[in-house]
Protein backbone atom coordinates (compact mmCIF):
# COMPACT_ATOMS: atom_id res chain seq x y z
CA UNK A 1 0.54 10.94 22.33
CA UNK A 2 4.08 10.98 20.94
CA UNK A 3 2.92 11.83 17.43
CA UNK A 4 0.59 14.56 18.70
CA UNK A 5 3.37 16.06 20.81
CA UNK A 6 5.79 16.00 17.87
CA UNK A 7 3.26 17.89 15.74
CA UNK A 8 2.66 20.45 18.50
CA UNK A 9 6.36 21.10 18.94
CA UNK A 10 6.91 21.40 15.20
CA UNK A 11 3.95 23.78 14.86
CA UNK A 12 5.53 26.07 17.45
CA UNK A 13 8.87 25.89 15.68
CA UNK A 14 8.03 25.99 11.94
CA UNK A 15 4.54 25.49 10.57
CA UNK A 16 5.19 25.68 6.84
CA UNK A 17 8.17 25.63 4.50
CA UNK A 18 8.43 25.67 0.73
CA UNK A 19 10.19 22.35 0.62
CA UNK A 20 10.36 22.40 -3.15
CA UNK A 21 12.60 25.47 -2.91
CA UNK A 22 14.57 24.81 0.27
CA UNK A 23 13.82 21.73 2.40
CA UNK A 24 13.39 22.04 6.15
CA UNK A 25 15.64 20.05 8.45
CA UNK A 26 12.79 17.77 9.50
CA UNK A 27 12.03 16.92 5.86
CA UNK A 28 15.67 15.97 5.27
CA UNK A 29 15.66 13.86 8.43
CA UNK A 30 12.58 11.97 7.25
CA UNK A 31 14.05 11.35 3.80
CA UNK A 32 17.22 9.98 5.38
CA UNK A 33 15.19 7.73 7.67
CA UNK A 34 13.13 6.32 4.82
CA UNK A 35 16.26 5.59 2.82
CA UNK A 36 17.74 3.79 5.83
CA UNK A 37 14.60 1.63 6.09
CA UNK A 38 14.71 0.74 2.39
CA UNK A 39 16.06 -2.60 1.10
CA UNK A 40 18.84 -0.93 -0.90
CA UNK A 41 22.29 0.12 0.37
CA UNK A 42 21.92 3.40 -1.54
CA UNK A 43 18.49 4.94 -1.93
CA UNK A 44 16.71 8.21 -2.57
CA UNK A 45 13.17 9.25 -1.72
CA UNK A 46 10.51 11.78 -2.71
CA UNK A 47 7.78 12.91 -0.31
CA UNK A 48 4.17 13.71 -1.09
CA UNK A 49 0.77 13.76 0.59
CA UNK A 50 -1.33 10.80 -0.52
CA UNK A 51 -0.78 7.27 -1.69
CA UNK A 52 -1.91 8.30 -5.16
CA UNK A 53 0.77 11.01 -5.12
CA UNK A 54 3.43 8.42 -4.31
CA UNK A 55 2.27 6.15 -7.13
CA UNK A 56 2.32 9.09 -9.53
CA UNK A 57 5.90 9.85 -8.51
CA UNK A 58 6.91 6.22 -9.05
CA UNK A 59 5.31 6.01 -12.49
CA UNK A 60 6.98 9.27 -13.54
CA UNK A 61 10.31 8.00 -12.19
CA UNK A 62 9.99 4.90 -14.36
CA UNK A 63 9.43 7.05 -17.45
CA UNK A 64 12.44 9.21 -16.58
CA UNK A 65 14.66 6.18 -15.97
CA UNK A 66 13.63 4.00 -18.92
CA UNK A 67 12.23 6.41 -21.49
CA UNK A 68 9.25 4.06 -21.88
CA UNK A 69 5.66 4.92 -21.02
CA UNK A 70 4.07 1.46 -21.10
CA UNK A 71 3.02 -0.10 -17.79
CA UNK A 72 1.97 -3.58 -16.72
CA UNK A 73 -0.61 -3.63 -13.93
CA UNK A 74 -2.94 -6.31 -12.58
CA UNK A 75 -6.61 -7.06 -12.69
CA UNK A 76 -8.11 -6.27 -9.30
CA UNK A 77 -5.39 -3.78 -8.39
CA UNK A 78 -6.04 -0.46 -6.68
CA UNK A 79 -3.44 2.31 -6.67
CA UNK A 80 -5.50 5.48 -6.14
CA UNK A 81 -7.85 7.75 -8.04
CA UNK A 82 -5.60 10.49 -9.44
CA UNK A 83 -5.19 10.14 -13.19
CA UNK A 84 -1.88 8.25 -13.27
CA UNK A 85 -2.81 5.75 -10.52
CA UNK A 86 -6.33 5.38 -11.91
CA UNK A 87 -4.93 4.37 -15.29
CA UNK A 88 -3.12 1.41 -13.68
CA UNK A 89 -5.92 0.39 -11.29
CA UNK A 90 -7.76 -2.72 -12.41
CA UNK A 91 -10.34 -2.75 -9.63
CA UNK A 92 -13.95 -1.70 -10.23
CA UNK A 93 -14.34 -0.17 -13.66
CA UNK A 94 -16.85 2.38 -12.36
CA UNK A 95 -13.93 4.42 -11.01
CA UNK A 96 -12.34 4.53 -14.45
CA UNK A 97 -15.22 4.67 -16.91
CA UNK A 98 -16.08 8.40 -16.69
CA UNK A 99 -12.46 9.35 -17.32
CA UNK A 100 -11.27 6.76 -19.85
CA UNK A 101 -10.61 9.34 -22.57
CA UNK A 102 -8.10 11.11 -20.33
CA UNK A 103 -6.28 8.07 -18.96
CA UNK A 104 -2.90 6.80 -20.13
CA UNK A 105 -3.82 4.13 -22.69
CA UNK A 106 -0.54 2.20 -22.74
CA UNK A 107 -1.39 -0.11 -19.84
CA UNK A 108 -1.46 -3.91 -20.05
CA UNK A 109 -3.55 -5.62 -17.35
CA UNK A 110 -2.24 -9.06 -16.45
CA UNK A 111 -4.25 -11.61 -14.48
CA UNK A 112 -3.88 -11.90 -10.72
CA UNK A 113 -3.35 -15.50 -9.58
CA UNK A 114 -6.24 -17.22 -7.82
CA UNK A 115 -7.46 -20.66 -6.85
CA UNK A 116 -8.74 -21.06 -10.39
CA UNK A 117 -5.71 -19.48 -12.10
CA UNK A 118 -2.35 -20.55 -10.72
CA UNK A 119 0.82 -18.47 -10.57
CA UNK A 120 2.29 -19.93 -13.75
CA UNK A 121 -0.88 -19.32 -15.73
CA UNK A 122 -1.09 -15.76 -14.39
CA UNK A 123 2.50 -15.08 -15.41
CA UNK A 124 1.64 -16.23 -18.92
CA UNK A 125 -0.74 -13.25 -19.19
CA UNK A 126 2.20 -10.82 -18.99
CA UNK A 127 2.83 -9.08 -22.32
CA UNK A 128 4.62 -10.96 -25.06
CA UNK A 129 6.24 -7.75 -26.31
CA UNK A 130 8.00 -5.68 -23.64
CA UNK A 131 9.51 -3.13 -26.01
CA UNK A 132 7.21 -0.33 -24.77
CA UNK A 133 7.06 -1.43 -21.12
CA UNK A 134 8.97 0.73 -18.66
CA UNK A 135 7.39 -0.46 -15.42
CA UNK A 136 5.35 -3.12 -13.71
CA UNK A 137 3.29 -2.03 -10.70
CA UNK A 138 1.98 -4.52 -8.15
CA UNK A 139 0.54 -4.72 -4.64
CA UNK A 140 2.13 -7.46 -2.48
CA UNK A 141 -1.42 -8.15 -1.28
CA UNK A 142 -4.40 -6.83 -3.20
CA UNK A 143 -6.34 -4.91 -0.56
CA UNK A 144 -9.34 -3.21 -2.13
CA UNK A 145 -10.25 -6.28 -4.17
CA UNK A 146 -10.54 -8.45 -1.08
CA UNK A 147 -7.18 -9.02 0.69
CA UNK A 148 -6.01 -11.36 -2.06
CA UNK A 149 -2.60 -12.95 -1.55
CA UNK A 150 -0.43 -14.15 -4.43
CA UNK A 151 0.88 -17.72 -4.14
CA UNK A 152 4.45 -18.25 -2.90
CA UNK A 153 7.05 -17.45 -5.53
CA UNK A 154 4.78 -15.31 -7.70
CA UNK A 155 6.32 -11.96 -6.74
CA UNK A 156 9.85 -13.32 -7.15
CA UNK A 157 8.98 -14.64 -10.61
CA UNK A 158 7.51 -11.27 -11.48
CA UNK A 159 10.73 -9.60 -10.38
CA UNK A 160 12.75 -11.89 -12.62
CA UNK A 161 10.49 -11.09 -15.58
CA UNK A 162 11.12 -7.38 -15.02
CA UNK A 163 14.88 -7.87 -14.89
CA UNK A 164 14.89 -9.99 -18.03
CA UNK A 165 12.87 -7.41 -19.95
CA UNK A 166 14.43 -4.18 -18.69
CA UNK A 167 11.36 -2.92 -16.83
CA UNK A 168 11.33 -1.37 -13.37
CA UNK A 169 9.27 -3.06 -10.68
CA UNK A 170 7.14 -0.68 -8.59
CA UNK A 171 5.69 -2.18 -5.42
CA UNK A 172 2.72 -0.36 -3.93
CA UNK A 173 3.23 -0.83 -0.18
CA UNK A 174 0.87 1.98 0.80
CA UNK A 175 -1.48 -0.41 2.61
CA UNK A 176 0.83 -3.35 3.28
CA UNK A 177 4.00 -1.54 4.35
CA UNK A 178 5.34 0.12 7.51
CA UNK A 179 4.47 -2.93 9.62
CA UNK A 180 0.85 -3.54 8.61
CA UNK A 181 1.60 -7.04 7.31
CA UNK A 182 4.18 -7.88 9.97
CA UNK A 183 7.24 -6.53 8.14
CA UNK A 184 8.52 -3.10 7.20
CA UNK A 185 7.90 -4.07 3.57
CA UNK A 186 5.73 -7.05 2.70
CA UNK A 187 7.39 -7.49 -0.69
CA UNK A 188 10.89 -7.67 0.77
CA UNK A 189 9.66 -10.09 3.44
CA UNK A 190 8.45 -12.31 0.60
CA UNK A 191 11.88 -12.39 -1.05
CA UNK A 192 11.44 -9.58 -3.55
CA UNK A 193 13.68 -6.52 -3.88
CA UNK A 194 11.82 -4.03 -6.09
CA UNK A 195 13.19 -0.97 -7.84
CA UNK A 196 10.69 1.48 -6.34
CA UNK A 197 8.49 1.35 -3.24
CA UNK A 198 5.42 3.49 -2.55
CA UNK A 199 4.62 4.11 1.11
CA UNK A 200 1.80 5.93 2.87
CA UNK A 201 -1.13 5.40 5.28
CA UNK A 202 0.62 4.34 8.53
CA UNK A 203 3.69 6.36 7.59
CA UNK A 204 2.21 9.68 8.72
CA UNK A 205 0.71 8.51 11.99
CA UNK A 206 -2.61 10.05 10.96
CA UNK A 207 -1.31 12.99 8.92
CA UNK A 208 -1.14 13.02 5.10
CA UNK A 209 2.38 11.83 4.27
CA UNK A 210 3.51 9.47 1.54
CA UNK A 211 6.76 8.61 -0.18
CA UNK A 212 8.27 7.11 -3.30
CA UNK A 213 11.52 5.41 -2.33
CA UNK A 214 13.87 3.94 -4.89
CA UNK A 215 17.28 2.66 -5.80
CA UNK A 216 19.69 5.55 -6.08
CA UNK A 217 20.67 4.73 -9.66
CA UNK A 218 16.99 4.75 -10.68
CA UNK A 219 16.11 7.95 -8.83
CA UNK A 220 19.14 9.68 -10.32
CA UNK A 221 17.16 9.80 -13.57
CA UNK A 222 15.52 12.97 -12.24
CA UNK A 223 18.80 14.76 -12.86
CA UNK A 224 20.71 17.43 -11.00
CA UNK A 225 18.99 18.17 -7.65
CA UNK A 226 20.35 21.72 -7.76
CA UNK A 227 18.20 22.55 -10.79
CA UNK A 228 14.50 23.39 -10.68
CA UNK A 229 12.45 20.33 -9.72
CA UNK A 230 10.05 19.09 -12.38
CA UNK A 231 7.95 17.05 -9.96
CA UNK A 232 7.04 18.84 -6.75
CA UNK A 233 4.24 20.41 -4.73
CA UNK A 234 3.88 23.22 -2.22
CA UNK A 235 3.07 20.90 0.68
CA UNK A 236 5.20 17.87 -0.27
CA UNK A 237 7.37 17.12 2.76
CA UNK A 238 5.78 19.84 4.89
CA UNK A 239 7.24 20.21 8.40
CA UNK A 240 4.15 19.03 10.29
CA UNK A 241 3.73 15.87 8.25
CA UNK A 242 7.45 15.14 8.36
CA UNK A 243 7.52 15.53 12.15
CA UNK A 244 4.51 13.24 12.51
CA UNK A 245 6.09 10.60 10.26
CA UNK A 246 9.38 10.68 12.15
CA UNK A 247 7.57 10.30 15.46
CA UNK A 248 5.47 7.46 14.05
CA UNK A 249 8.51 5.59 12.73
CA UNK A 250 10.35 6.08 16.02
CA UNK A 251 7.37 4.72 17.93
CA UNK A 252 7.12 1.68 15.66
CA UNK A 253 10.79 0.91 16.28
CA UNK A 254 10.79 1.65 20.02
CA UNK A 255 7.72 -0.43 20.82
CA UNK A 256 8.58 -3.18 18.30
CA UNK A 257 5.22 -2.73 16.61
CA UNK A 258 6.24 -4.65 13.49
CA UNK A 259 6.62 -7.81 15.56
CA UNK A 260 3.49 -6.90 17.48
CA UNK A 261 1.63 -6.83 14.16
CA UNK A 262 2.74 -10.42 13.58
CA UNK A 263 1.64 -11.52 17.05
CA UNK A 264 -1.65 -9.60 17.11
CA UNK A 265 -2.50 -10.84 13.64
CA UNK A 266 -2.05 -14.48 14.66
CA UNK A 267 -4.21 -13.93 17.73
CA UNK A 268 -6.95 -12.14 15.79
CA UNK A 269 -7.03 -14.74 13.01
CA UNK A 270 -7.18 -17.55 15.58
CA UNK A 271 -10.15 -15.87 17.27
CA UNK A 272 -11.97 -15.54 13.96
CA UNK A 273 -11.28 -19.19 13.11
CA UNK A 274 -11.96 -20.64 16.56
CA UNK A 275 -15.60 -21.46 15.78
CA UNK A 276 -17.46 -21.48 12.48
CA UNK A 277 -18.90 -18.08 11.55
CA UNK A 278 -22.19 -18.15 9.66
CA UNK A 279 -21.62 -17.48 5.98
CA UNK A 280 -17.81 -17.21 6.29
CA UNK A 281 -15.79 -19.41 3.94
CA UNK A 282 -12.25 -18.22 4.70
CA UNK A 283 -10.17 -15.91 6.89
CA UNK A 284 -6.98 -14.60 5.24
CA UNK A 285 -4.33 -12.55 6.95
CA UNK A 286 -0.76 -11.27 7.11
CA UNK A 287 0.02 -9.39 10.28
CA UNK A 288 -2.88 -7.04 10.98
CA UNK A 289 -4.25 -7.03 7.45
CA UNK A 290 -7.16 -9.46 7.38
CA UNK A 291 -9.92 -10.45 5.00
CA UNK A 292 -13.05 -12.34 6.00
CA UNK A 293 -14.53 -14.02 2.93
CA UNK A 294 -18.33 -14.17 2.90
CA UNK A 295 -20.63 -16.33 0.85
CA UNK A 296 -22.72 -14.16 -1.46
CA UNK A 297 -22.25 -10.82 -3.21
CA UNK A 298 -22.95 -7.55 -1.40
CA UNK A 299 -22.97 -9.35 1.96
CA UNK A 300 -20.01 -7.30 3.18
CA UNK A 301 -22.01 -4.10 2.65
CA UNK A 302 -24.82 -5.34 4.87
CA UNK A 303 -22.46 -6.72 7.50
CA UNK A 304 -20.38 -3.54 7.62
CA UNK A 305 -23.50 -1.41 8.18
CA UNK A 306 -24.65 -3.68 11.00
CA UNK A 307 -21.21 -3.58 12.62
CA UNK A 308 -21.15 0.21 12.39
CA UNK A 309 -24.35 0.30 14.44
CA UNK A 310 -22.43 -1.65 17.09
CA UNK A 311 -19.53 0.79 17.02
CA UNK A 312 -17.13 -1.05 14.69
CA UNK A 313 -15.82 0.46 11.47
CA UNK A 314 -14.90 -2.13 8.84
CA UNK A 315 -14.52 -1.94 5.07
CA UNK A 316 -16.44 -3.97 2.51
CA UNK A 317 -14.05 -5.17 -0.18
CA UNK A 318 -13.90 -7.34 -3.25
CA UNK A 319 -15.39 -6.85 -6.70
CA UNK A 320 -18.59 -8.50 -5.44
CA UNK A 321 -18.50 -6.77 -2.02
CA UNK A 322 -18.12 -10.20 -0.45
CA UNK A 323 -15.10 -9.59 1.79
CA UNK A 324 -14.87 -7.79 5.12
CA UNK A 325 -11.51 -6.03 5.23
CA UNK A 326 -10.01 -5.60 8.70
CA UNK A 327 -7.02 -3.42 9.57
CA UNK A 328 -7.18 -2.61 13.29
CA UNK A 329 -4.39 -0.76 15.09
CA UNK A 330 -1.60 -3.07 16.19
CA UNK A 331 -1.97 -1.84 19.78
CA UNK A 332 -5.47 -3.35 20.02
CA UNK A 333 -6.07 -5.50 23.12
CA UNK A 334 -7.36 -9.06 23.42
CA UNK A 335 -10.50 -7.73 25.08
CA UNK A 336 -11.18 -5.39 22.16
CA UNK A 337 -10.63 -8.17 19.63
CA UNK A 338 -12.90 -10.53 21.55
CA UNK A 339 -15.60 -7.86 21.62
CA UNK A 340 -15.38 -7.42 17.87
CA UNK A 341 -15.50 -11.16 17.16
CA UNK A 342 -18.57 -11.51 19.38
CA UNK A 343 -20.29 -8.67 17.53
CA UNK A 344 -19.35 -10.11 14.14
CA UNK A 345 -20.69 -13.51 15.19
CA UNK A 346 -23.98 -11.95 16.29
CA UNK A 347 -24.34 -9.89 13.10
CA UNK A 348 -23.66 -12.90 10.88
CA UNK A 349 -26.06 -15.06 12.87
CA UNK A 350 -28.87 -12.50 12.72
CA UNK A 351 -28.59 -11.57 9.03
């Protein structure tokens, strides 16, 4: 209700503003709030509409700051389907194949650590020559490819590699951030301080709002803010979206929803693990980002369709469609979680 009311009030006051020419007060307030929530003492931010927009802004910032166009990304990663994010997305080649001729070619895909490939071995797949590399982009948890967590210390080691080789580290927190994984920023909670953070999804409280937030010295590469902007958009930082985001952030802080994500996630994971689920080999989670690993490819597609018939919307994930991805609202009740687990148990039993 608070987010809806904020949007209504803003619509009555100012519906649209050309923020690329003269920012509205609510846009400035949101930028200041995002900088205050960042891990740096001095930060700057750029607003946009989608997660892919935020990733595009971060990749362009890295080019501006380093003068280098090369990027290191990871196998299994997903950063969006606009051209720049698509070029650095390692998940599901079918998204990329029709457009390969138009994608940035200077991308090195490193391996993502797994049970078969440890952190040290994965780090060895980073490029040997960093002379063309201006940025490394990483998700703290790979969402689309199956809620895949890196082992402890991997992100920190990746950060050190960036520092040693003069590359900027971009962390895509569009899914994991703003409390989803039980912290404002999952990467920071894991001991990493990146150079640039991409935020979205929960940020807008249901409206299309995203942001690229970065260290002030890095963002300063865009030059004099009084000159014409060379990266902007008519609706970037629009008043309605900015008002919704401010209300959403205020609600998260007031109701301590980041901690609630931690608590709800533990409860949900415990419910899923309480008794064996047919065909389930593992339940992974951080806060309210969960992955239920199934035995057998394409099983998540069948399970998700059956759950939809029972009124539950879940996402099949993983390269083999063998993971059920769960991201319920953090205000979900025990009764609602119990109802879902009962339905999941029945669907898995009756497959």
